[in-house]
Amino acid sequence: MTESTLDLDAAVSAAAERLHTALTTNQPCSPIRDLIGERDIELAYAVQQQLNAHRLAAGARVVGRKIGATSQAVQQQLGVDTPDLGVLFDDMVHEAAAPVDISSLLQPKVEGEIAFVLGADLAEGELELDQVAAAIDYAVAAIEICDSRIAGWDISFADTVADNASAGSYVLGTERRTLADGFVPKDAAMTMTVTGQDDSVGTGAASLGDPLVAVQWLARQARDLGDPLRAGQVILSGALGPMRPAAPGAAVEVTIDGLGSLAITFSTKEQS
């Protein structure tokens, strides 16, 4: 092992520890791009894997994946031309009926998305769109609660990738539709309302032109990283409209054509 390799390993470990400390202390940290650069995807995913290893060691269980940076506007903001992916753990799932304790989060923002639940693995073959579509059991409306461990959301692409794609929590709707029902994800219109803010609107086409294309990208990338998508996993397929910040007392409602509506509220422990 060369000295330069040792230096890179040390940088990855230092970045993962910085993010892990932010996660466990609930205190944002400075960006980690000073350690691994702004756009080194390989190093960023290495940091993510170490960060997530801490959660696995503490007993968390992987239940799915999320796709980030699927819109052209976000990619331009981050100076990239590719999405990123993160891991969903069992402790990230939130029930819509219970208020979200905002004090358990750092700096949450919400997105309206289509979530897919897989009925089959996506691990073998060419992973063409027809195979991806056939592997989907059903789709539901979802609210993703993004949450950056980086102070002030001061993120480069490497920062957000390393930080598990800025994953926080998520809520799933109850109205399930299969693709065989005639649900066409790319055509589905979405409206998200957040207390005191302009509505966030969009369609499925906002996510890489088609959420199924986003899932295809995810399936291939996950397999390349050595951890393919598996049956039963939840896939958050990317924002269909602009992200909005969440504040104590805020009510969020997402409506997606064909998938119905779901709503959550944010509170402090004293309010819940």
C-alpha atoms as a PDB file:
ATOM      1  CA  MET A   1       0.000   0.000   0.000  1.00  0.00           C
ATOM      2  CA  THR A   2       1.448   3.321  -1.072  1.00  0.00           C
ATOM      3  CA  GLU A   3       1.653   6.452   1.028  1.00  0.00           C
ATOM      4  CA  SER A   4      -0.893   8.171  -1.230  1.00  0.00           C
ATOM      5  CA  THR A   5      -3.341   5.288  -0.705  1.00  0.00           C
ATOM      6  CA  LEU A   6      -2.874   5.581   3.037  1.00  0.00           C
ATOM      7  CA  ASP A   7      -3.558   9.304   2.792  1.00  0.00           C
ATOM      8  CA  LEU A   8      -6.806   8.682   0.883  1.00  0.00           C
ATOM      9  CA  ASP A   9      -7.908   6.008   3.366  1.00  0.00           C
ATOM     10  CA  ALA A  10      -7.260   8.422   6.217  1.00  0.00           C
ATOM     11  CA  ALA A  11      -9.206  11.164   4.461  1.00  0.00           C
ATOM     12  CA  VAL A  12     -12.202   8.856   3.900  1.00  0.00           C
ATOM     13  CA  SER A  13     -12.157   7.732   7.535  1.00  0.00           C
ATOM     14  CA  ALA A  14     -11.881  11.316   8.800  1.00  0.00           C
ATOM     15  CA  ALA A  15     -14.800  12.405   6.605  1.00  0.00           C
ATOM     16  CA  ALA A  16     -16.965   9.508   7.779  1.00  0.00           C
ATOM     17  CA  GLU A  17     -16.179  10.257  11.420  1.00  0.00           C
ATOM     18  CA  ARG A  18     -17.049  13.929  10.958  1.00  0.00           C
ATOM     19  CA  LEU A  19     -20.446  13.035   9.513  1.00  0.00           C
ATOM     20  CA  HIS A  20     -21.059  10.304  12.087  1.00  0.00           C
ATOM     21  CA  THR A  21     -20.363  12.744  14.919  1.00  0.00           C
ATOM     22  CA  ALA A  22     -22.830  15.209  13.397  1.00  0.00           C
ATOM     23  CA  LEU A  23     -25.423  12.450  13.163  1.00  0.00           C
ATOM     24  CA  THR A  24     -24.994  11.158  16.708  1.00  0.00           C
ATOM     25  CA  THR A  25     -24.715  14.563  18.397  1.00  0.00           C
ATOM     26  CA  ASN A  26     -27.439  16.187  16.266  1.00  0.00           C
ATOM     27  CA  GLN A  27     -25.070  19.050  15.505  1.00  0.00           C
ATOM     28  CA  PRO A  28     -24.244  20.008  11.895  1.00  0.00           C
ATOM     29  CA  CYS A  29     -20.640  19.805  10.779  1.00  0.00           C
ATOM     30  CA  SER A  30     -18.491  21.609   8.247  1.00  0.00           C
ATOM     31  CA  PRO A  31     -18.374  20.237   4.669  1.00  0.00           C
ATOM     32  CA  ILE A  32     -16.138  17.230   4.091  1.00  0.00           C
ATOM     33  CA  ARG A  33     -14.945  18.353   0.664  1.00  0.00           C
ATOM     34  CA  ASP A  34     -11.812  19.721   2.322  1.00  0.00           C
ATOM     35  CA  LEU A  35     -10.890  16.077   2.884  1.00  0.00           C
ATOM     36  CA  ILE A  36     -11.962  14.347  -0.359  1.00  0.00           C
ATOM     37  CA  GLY A  37     -12.552  17.111  -2.888  1.00  0.00           C
ATOM     38  CA  GLU A  38     -15.793  18.374  -4.390  1.00  0.00           C
ATOM     39  CA  ARG A  39     -16.505  15.801  -7.112  1.00  0.00           C
ATOM     40  CA  ASP A  40     -14.564  12.614  -6.407  1.00  0.00           C
ATOM     41  CA  ILE A  41     -17.504  10.205  -6.610  1.00  0.00           C
ATOM     42  CA  GLU A  42     -15.491   7.106  -5.740  1.00  0.00           C
ATOM     43  CA  LEU A  43     -14.166   8.630  -2.524  1.00  0.00           C
ATOM     44  CA  ALA A  44     -17.591  10.074  -1.676  1.00  0.00           C
ATOM     45  CA  TYR A  45     -19.254   6.661  -1.889  1.00  0.00           C
ATOM     46  CA  ALA A  46     -16.436   5.185   0.185  1.00  0.00           C
ATOM     47  CA  VAL A  47     -17.256   7.740   2.889  1.00  0.00           C
ATOM     48  CA  GLN A  48     -20.959   6.923   2.605  1.00  0.00           C
ATOM     49  CA  GLN A  49     -20.260   3.229   3.059  1.00  0.00           C
ATOM     50  CA  GLN A  50     -18.217   3.878   6.199  1.00  0.00           C
ATOM     51  CA  LEU A  51     -20.862   6.242   7.574  1.00  0.00           C
ATOM     52  CA  ASN A  52     -23.616   3.715   6.962  1.00  0.00           C
ATOM     53  CA  ALA A  53     -21.510   0.940   8.474  1.00  0.00           C
ATOM     54  CA  HIS A  54     -21.805   2.782  11.797  1.00  0.00           C
ATOM     55  CA  ARG A  55     -25.602   2.575  11.560  1.00  0.00           C
ATOM     56  CA  LEU A  56     -25.527  -1.091  10.650  1.00  0.00           C
ATOM     57  CA  ALA A  57     -23.204  -1.814  13.568  1.00  0.00           C
ATOM     58  CA  ALA A  58     -25.690  -0.078  15.862  1.00  0.00           C
ATOM     59  CA  GLY A  59     -28.453  -2.439  14.702  1.00  0.00           C
ATOM     60  CA  ALA A  60     -30.135  -0.524  11.874  1.00  0.00           C
ATOM     61  CA  ARG A  61     -31.494  -2.544   8.966  1.00  0.00           C
ATOM     62  CA  VAL A  62     -31.467  -1.548   5.281  1.00  0.00           C
ATOM     63  CA  VAL A  63     -35.008  -1.332   3.868  1.00  0.00           C
ATOM     64  CA  GLY A  64     -34.409   0.500   0.600  1.00  0.00           C
ATOM     65  CA  ARG A  65     -32.647   3.208  -1.365  1.00  0.00           C
ATOM     66  CA  LYS A  66     -33.162   6.808  -2.389  1.00  0.00           C
ATOM     67  CA  ILE A  67     -32.156   8.652  -5.528  1.00  0.00           C
ATOM     68  CA  GLY A  68     -31.013  12.255  -5.333  1.00  0.00           C
ATOM     69  CA  ALA A  69     -30.039  14.989  -7.799  1.00  0.00           C
ATOM     70  CA  THR A  70     -32.460  13.674 -10.414  1.00  0.00           C
ATOM     71  CA  SER A  71     -33.560  17.083 -11.694  1.00  0.00           C
ATOM     72  CA  GLN A  72     -31.520  19.110 -14.164  1.00  0.00           C
ATOM     73  CA  ALA A  73     -31.772  22.190 -11.925  1.00  0.00           C
ATOM     74  CA  VAL A  74     -30.222  20.399  -8.939  1.00  0.00           C
ATOM     75  CA  GLN A  75     -27.504  18.853 -11.101  1.00  0.00           C
ATOM     76  CA  GLN A  76     -26.608  22.286 -12.448  1.00  0.00           C
ATOM     77  CA  GLN A  77     -26.533  23.647  -8.899  1.00  0.00           C
ATOM     78  CA  LEU A  78     -24.083  20.936  -7.836  1.00  0.00           C
ATOM     79  CA  GLY A  79     -22.075  21.039 -11.071  1.00  0.00           C
ATOM     80  CA  VAL A  80     -22.705  17.417 -12.052  1.00  0.00           C
ATOM     81  CA  ASP A  81     -24.533  15.478 -14.739  1.00  0.00           C
ATOM     82  CA  THR A  82     -25.474  12.387 -12.758  1.00  0.00           C
ATOM     83  CA  PRO A  83     -27.776  11.519  -9.836  1.00  0.00           C
ATOM     84  CA  ASP A  84     -26.622  10.034  -6.559  1.00  0.00           C
ATOM     85  CA  LEU A  85     -27.954   7.344  -4.258  1.00  0.00           C
ATOM     86  CA  GLY A  86     -28.383   6.792  -0.543  1.00  0.00           C
ATOM     87  CA  VAL A  87     -29.523   4.022   1.774  1.00  0.00           C
ATOM     88  CA  LEU A  88     -32.854   3.899   3.624  1.00  0.00           C
ATOM     89  CA  PHE A  89     -32.798   2.331   7.086  1.00  0.00           C
ATOM     90  CA  ASP A  90     -35.706   0.946   9.096  1.00  0.00           C
ATOM     91  CA  ASP A  91     -35.513   3.812  11.600  1.00  0.00           C
ATOM     92  CA  MET A  92     -36.117   6.369   8.835  1.00  0.00           C
ATOM     93  CA  VAL A  93     -39.722   5.312   8.182  1.00  0.00           C
ATOM     94  CA  HIS A  94     -42.304   7.666   9.694  1.00  0.00           C
ATOM     95  CA  GLU A  95     -46.038   7.142  10.009  1.00  0.00           C
ATOM     96  CA  ALA A  96     -48.175   9.979   8.651  1.00  0.00           C
ATOM     97  CA  ALA A  97     -50.547   9.851  11.619  1.00  0.00           C
ATOM     98  CA  ALA A  98     -47.854  10.888  14.115  1.00  0.00           C
ATOM     99  CA  PRO A  99     -46.281  14.383  14.126  1.00  0.00           C
ATOM    100  CA  VAL A 100     -42.647  14.483  13.068  1.00  0.00           C
ATOM    101  CA  ASP A 101     -40.460  15.578  15.986  1.00  0.00           C
ATOM    102  CA  ILE A 102     -38.410  18.248  14.274  1.00  0.00           C
ATOM    103  CA  SER A 103     -35.896  18.321  17.128  1.00  0.00           C
ATOM    104  CA  SER A 104     -34.741  14.850  16.033  1.00  0.00           C
ATOM    105  CA  LEU A 105     -33.647  16.341  12.713  1.00  0.00           C
ATOM    106  CA  LEU A 106     -30.949  18.870  11.893  1.00  0.00           C
ATOM    107  CA  GLN A 107     -32.206  21.064   9.039  1.00  0.00           C
ATOM    108  CA  PRO A 108     -35.038  19.231   7.307  1.00  0.00           C
ATOM    109  CA  LYS A 109     -36.465  19.912   3.873  1.00  0.00           C
ATOM    110  CA  VAL A 110     -39.337  18.085   2.185  1.00  0.00           C
ATOM    111  CA  GLU A 111     -39.927  16.714  -1.303  1.00  0.00           C
ATOM    112  CA  GLY A 112     -42.899  15.085  -3.009  1.00  0.00           C
ATOM    113  CA  GLU A 113     -41.954  11.836  -4.735  1.00  0.00           C
ATOM    114  CA  ILE A 114     -43.183   8.553  -6.149  1.00  0.00           C
ATOM    115  CA  ALA A 115     -42.002   5.565  -4.125  1.00  0.00           C
ATOM    116  CA  PHE A 116     -41.815   2.067  -5.547  1.00  0.00           C
ATOM    117  CA  VAL A 117     -41.769  -1.198  -3.622  1.00  0.00           C
ATOM    118  CA  LEU A 118     -39.932  -3.993  -5.387  1.00  0.00           C
ATOM    119  CA  GLY A 119     -41.432  -7.421  -5.837  1.00  0.00           C
ATOM    120  CA  ALA A 120     -38.270  -8.936  -7.312  1.00  0.00           C
ATOM    121  CA  ASP A 121     -34.508  -8.466  -7.140  1.00  0.00           C
ATOM    122  CA  LEU A 122     -32.753  -6.238  -9.661  1.00  0.00           C
ATOM    123  CA  ALA A 123     -29.394  -7.957  -9.568  1.00  0.00           C
ATOM    124  CA  GLU A 124     -28.977  -9.934 -12.784  1.00  0.00           C
ATOM    125  CA  GLY A 125     -29.137  -9.297 -16.507  1.00  0.00           C
ATOM    126  CA  GLU A 126     -28.995  -6.061 -18.484  1.00  0.00           C
ATOM    127  CA  LEU A 127     -31.458  -4.250 -16.186  1.00  0.00           C
ATOM    128  CA  GLU A 128     -33.380  -2.800 -19.115  1.00  0.00           C
ATOM    129  CA  LEU A 129     -36.524  -0.763 -18.483  1.00  0.00           C
ATOM    130  CA  ASP A 130     -38.899  -3.666 -19.056  1.00  0.00           C
ATOM    131  CA  GLN A 131     -37.050  -5.727 -16.435  1.00  0.00           C
ATOM    132  CA  VAL A 132     -37.140  -2.784 -13.995  1.00  0.00           C
ATOM    133  CA  ALA A 133     -40.864  -2.245 -14.553  1.00  0.00           C
ATOM    134  CA  ALA A 134     -41.587  -5.968 -14.107  1.00  0.00           C
ATOM    135  CA  ALA A 135     -39.716  -5.978 -10.780  1.00  0.00           C
ATOM    136  CA  ILE A 136     -41.926  -3.231  -9.282  1.00  0.00           C
ATOM    137  CA  ASP A 137     -44.706  -4.541  -7.068  1.00  0.00           C
ATOM    138  CA  TYR A 138     -46.518  -1.226  -6.622  1.00  0.00           C
ATOM    139  CA  ALA A 139     -46.146   2.547  -6.418  1.00  0.00           C
ATOM    140  CA  VAL A 140     -47.282   4.955  -3.669  1.00  0.00           C
ATOM    141  CA  ALA A 141     -47.061   8.687  -3.040  1.00  0.00           C
ATOM    142  CA  ALA A 142     -44.241   9.664  -0.689  1.00  0.00           C
ATOM    143  CA  ILE A 143     -42.830  12.581   1.240  1.00  0.00           C
ATOM    144  CA  GLU A 144     -39.083  12.497   1.613  1.00  0.00           C
ATOM    145  CA  ILE A 145     -37.675  14.462   4.547  1.00  0.00           C
ATOM    146  CA  CYS A 146     -34.159  15.311   3.424  1.00  0.00           C
ATOM    147  CA  ASP A 147     -31.697  16.302   6.124  1.00  0.00           C
ATOM    148  CA  SER A 148     -28.111  17.383   5.613  1.00  0.00           C
ATOM    149  CA  ARG A 149     -25.481  16.852   8.272  1.00  0.00           C
ATOM    150  CA  ILE A 150     -23.541  19.670   6.568  1.00  0.00           C
ATOM    151  CA  ALA A 151     -24.160  23.036   8.245  1.00  0.00           C
ATOM    152  CA  GLY A 152     -26.339  25.397   6.228  1.00  0.00           C
ATOM    153  CA  TRP A 153     -26.765  22.867   3.411  1.00  0.00           C
ATOM    154  CA  ASP A 154     -23.398  24.122   2.140  1.00  0.00           C
ATOM    155  CA  ILE A 155     -22.933  21.080  -0.077  1.00  0.00           C
ATOM    156  CA  SER A 156     -20.951  20.079  -3.108  1.00  0.00           C
ATOM    157  CA  PHE A 157     -21.757  16.830  -4.912  1.00  0.00           C
ATOM    158  CA  ALA A 158     -19.177  14.945  -2.853  1.00  0.00           C
ATOM    159  CA  ASP A 159     -20.643  16.315   0.388  1.00  0.00           C
ATOM    160  CA  THR A 160     -24.161  15.090  -0.312  1.00  0.00           C
ATOM    161  CA  VAL A 161     -23.046  11.702  -1.673  1.00  0.00           C
ATOM    162  CA  ALA A 162     -20.855  11.092   1.373  1.00  0.00           C
ATOM    163  CA  ASP A 163     -23.704  12.184   3.651  1.00  0.00           C
ATOM    164  CA  ASN A 164     -25.878   9.276   2.470  1.00  0.00           C
ATOM    165  CA  ALA A 165     -27.391  11.504  -0.233  1.00  0.00           C
ATOM    166  CA  SER A 166     -28.761  13.824   2.492  1.00  0.00           C
ATOM    167  CA  ALA A 167     -31.251  11.162   3.607  1.00  0.00           C
ATOM    168  CA  GLY A 168     -33.326  11.905   6.692  1.00  0.00           C
ATOM    169  CA  SER A 169     -36.720  10.255   6.902  1.00  0.00           C
ATOM    170  CA  TYR A 170     -39.692   9.421   4.702  1.00  0.00           C
ATOM    171  CA  VAL A 171     -43.440   8.831   4.790  1.00  0.00           C
ATOM    172  CA  LEU A 172     -45.399   6.564   2.443  1.00  0.00           C
ATOM    173  CA  GLY A 173     -48.981   6.939   1.277  1.00  0.00           C
ATOM    174  CA  THR A 174     -51.521   4.148   1.543  1.00  0.00           C
ATOM    175  CA  GLU A 175     -53.020   4.133  -1.979  1.00  0.00           C
ATOM    176  CA  ARG A 176     -51.124   1.487  -3.929  1.00  0.00           C
ATOM    177  CA  ARG A 177     -51.092   1.282  -7.717  1.00  0.00           C
ATOM    178  CA  THR A 178     -49.382  -1.202  -9.969  1.00  0.00           C
ATOM    179  CA  LEU A 179     -48.001  -0.359 -13.383  1.00  0.00           C
ATOM    180  CA  ALA A 180     -50.414  -2.947 -14.768  1.00  0.00           C
ATOM    181  CA  ASP A 181     -53.264  -0.779 -13.426  1.00  0.00           C
ATOM    182  CA  GLY A 182     -52.347   1.772 -16.060  1.00  0.00           C
ATOM    183  CA  PHE A 183     -50.398   4.066 -13.725  1.00  0.00           C
ATOM    184  CA  VAL A 184     -47.792   5.926 -15.800  1.00  0.00           C
ATOM    185  CA  PRO A 185     -45.191   7.436 -13.429  1.00  0.00           C
ATOM    186  CA  LYS A 186     -43.716   9.975 -15.869  1.00  0.00           C
ATOM    187  CA  ASP A 187     -47.135  11.554 -16.504  1.00  0.00           C
ATOM    188  CA  ALA A 188     -48.253  11.789 -12.868  1.00  0.00           C
ATOM    189  CA  ALA A 189     -48.755  15.391 -11.691  1.00  0.00           C
ATOM    190  CA  MET A 190     -47.644  16.293  -8.162  1.00  0.00           C
ATOM    191  CA  THR A 191     -48.542  19.188  -5.881  1.00  0.00           C
ATOM    192  CA  MET A 192     -46.937  19.709  -2.464  1.00  0.00           C
ATOM    193  CA  THR A 193     -48.233  22.353  -0.082  1.00  0.00           C
ATOM    194  CA  VAL A 194     -46.213  23.512   2.913  1.00  0.00           C
ATOM    195  CA  THR A 195     -47.516  25.979   5.489  1.00  0.00           C
ATOM    196  CA  GLY A 196     -46.625  29.538   4.541  1.00  0.00           C
ATOM    197  CA  GLN A 197     -44.746  28.671   1.341  1.00  0.00           C
ATOM    198  CA  ASP A 198     -45.388  28.592  -2.386  1.00  0.00           C
ATOM    199  CA  ASP A 199     -46.661  25.264  -3.655  1.00  0.00           C
ATOM    200  CA  SER A 200     -44.135  22.854  -5.127  1.00  0.00           C
ATOM    201  CA  VAL A 201     -45.494  21.402  -8.368  1.00  0.00           C
ATOM    202  CA  GLY A 202     -44.193  19.070 -11.032  1.00  0.00           C
ATOM    203  CA  THR A 203     -44.660  15.752 -12.782  1.00  0.00           C
ATOM    204  CA  GLY A 204     -42.924  12.402 -12.873  1.00  0.00           C
ATOM    205  CA  ALA A 205     -40.946  13.628 -15.842  1.00  0.00           C
ATOM    206  CA  ALA A 206     -38.940  15.830 -13.448  1.00  0.00           C
ATOM    207  CA  SER A 207     -37.077  12.741 -12.261  1.00  0.00           C
ATOM    208  CA  LEU A 208     -34.636  11.940 -15.090  1.00  0.00           C
ATOM    209  CA  GLY A 209     -37.514  12.227 -17.572  1.00  0.00           C
ATOM    210  CA  ASP A 210     -39.246   9.188 -16.049  1.00  0.00           C
ATOM    211  CA  PRO A 211     -39.085   7.734 -12.514  1.00  0.00           C
ATOM    212  CA  LEU A 212     -38.629   4.291 -14.087  1.00  0.00           C
ATOM    213  CA  VAL A 213     -35.436   5.543 -15.731  1.00  0.00           C
ATOM    214  CA  ALA A 214     -34.338   6.784 -12.305  1.00  0.00           C
ATOM    215  CA  VAL A 215     -34.935   3.325 -10.821  1.00  0.00           C
ATOM    216  CA  GLN A 216     -33.017   1.772 -13.706  1.00  0.00           C
ATOM    217  CA  TRP A 217     -30.069   4.086 -13.028  1.00  0.00           C
ATOM    218  CA  LEU A 218     -30.250   3.203  -9.338  1.00  0.00           C
ATOM    219  CA  ALA A 219     -30.392  -0.540 -10.000  1.00  0.00           C
ATOM    220  CA  ARG A 220     -27.293  -0.408 -12.180  1.00  0.00           C
ATOM    221  CA  GLN A 221     -25.354   1.867  -9.846  1.00  0.00           C
ATOM    222  CA  ALA A 222     -26.266  -0.167  -6.760  1.00  0.00           C
ATOM    223  CA  ARG A 223     -25.104  -3.337  -8.450  1.00  0.00           C
ATOM    224  CA  ASP A 224     -21.865  -1.662  -9.540  1.00  0.00           C
ATOM    225  CA  LEU A 225     -21.297  -0.700  -5.890  1.00  0.00           C
ATOM    226  CA  GLY A 226     -21.730  -4.351  -4.885  1.00  0.00           C
ATOM    227  CA  ASP A 227     -25.137  -4.088  -3.188  1.00  0.00           C
ATOM    228  CA  PRO A 228     -27.964  -4.753  -5.677  1.00  0.00           C
ATOM    229  CA  LEU A 229     -31.602  -3.835  -5.118  1.00  0.00           C
ATOM    230  CA  ARG A 230     -33.653  -6.590  -3.512  1.00  0.00           C
ATOM    231  CA  ALA A 231     -37.297  -7.633  -3.397  1.00  0.00           C
ATOM    232  CA  GLY A 232     -39.248  -5.839  -0.681  1.00  0.00           C
ATOM    233  CA  GLN A 233     -37.074  -2.723  -0.710  1.00  0.00           C
ATOM    234  CA  VAL A 234     -38.575   0.763  -0.881  1.00  0.00           C
ATOM    235  CA  ILE A 235     -37.234   3.029  -3.628  1.00  0.00           C
ATOM    236  CA  LEU A 236     -37.621   6.807  -3.377  1.00  0.00           C
ATOM    237  CA  SER A 237     -37.311   7.765  -7.017  1.00  0.00           C
ATOM    238  CA  GLY A 238     -36.526  11.483  -6.828  1.00  0.00           C
ATOM    239  CA  ALA A 239     -38.253  14.812  -6.286  1.00  0.00           C
ATOM    240  CA  LEU A 240     -41.043  15.806  -8.688  1.00  0.00           C
ATOM    241  CA  GLY A 241     -40.879  19.478  -7.717  1.00  0.00           C
ATOM    242  CA  PRO A 242     -38.731  21.962  -5.782  1.00  0.00           C
ATOM    243  CA  MET A 243     -37.652  21.083  -2.243  1.00  0.00           C
ATOM    244  CA  ARG A 244     -39.106  23.167   0.596  1.00  0.00           C
ATOM    245  CA  PRO A 245     -37.723  23.778   4.128  1.00  0.00           C
ATOM    246  CA  ALA A 246     -39.698  22.410   7.078  1.00  0.00           C
ATOM    247  CA  ALA A 247     -40.240  24.394  10.284  1.00  0.00           C
ATOM    248  CA  PRO A 248     -41.919  23.608  13.625  1.00  0.00           C
ATOM    249  CA  GLY A 249     -45.682  23.693  13.175  1.00  0.00           C
ATOM    250  CA  ALA A 250     -45.542  23.232   9.402  1.00  0.00           C
ATOM    251  CA  ALA A 251     -48.113  21.021   7.718  1.00  0.00           C
ATOM    252  CA  VAL A 252     -47.086  19.270   4.503  1.00  0.00           C
ATOM    253  CA  GLU A 253     -49.458  17.637   2.035  1.00  0.00           C
ATOM    254  CA  VAL A 254     -48.489  15.854  -1.165  1.00  0.00           C
ATOM    255  CA  THR A 255     -50.991  14.875  -3.856  1.00  0.00           C
ATOM    256  CA  ILE A 256     -49.965  12.769  -6.850  1.00  0.00           C
ATOM    257  CA  ASP A 257     -52.424  11.937  -9.607  1.00  0.00           C
ATOM    258  CA  GLY A 258     -53.326   8.277  -9.402  1.00  0.00           C
ATOM    259  CA  LEU A 259     -51.709   7.814  -5.986  1.00  0.00           C
ATOM    260  CA  GLY A 260     -53.851  10.045  -3.796  1.00  0.00           C
ATOM    261  CA  SER A 261     -52.640  12.295  -0.986  1.00  0.00           C
ATOM    262  CA  LEU A 262     -50.698  12.063   2.252  1.00  0.00           C
ATOM    263  CA  ALA A 263     -49.915  14.654   4.898  1.00  0.00           C
ATOM    264  CA  ILE A 264     -47.558  15.151   7.833  1.00  0.00           C
ATOM    265  CA  THR A 265     -46.988  17.829  10.446  1.00  0.00           C
ATOM    266  CA  PHE A 266     -43.785  18.921  12.151  1.00  0.00           C
ATOM    267  CA  SER A 267     -43.654  19.584  15.873  1.00  0.00           C
ATOM    268  CA  THR A 268     -41.272  19.702  18.813  1.00  0.00           C
ATOM    269  CA  LYS A 269     -41.495  17.120  21.583  1.00  0.00           C
ATOM    270  CA  GLU A 270     -43.428  19.629  23.684  1.00  0.00           C
ATOM    271  CA  GLN A 271     -46.015  20.014  20.897  1.00  0.00           C
ATOM    272  CA  SER A 272     -46.376  16.344  20.012  1.00  0.00           C
END
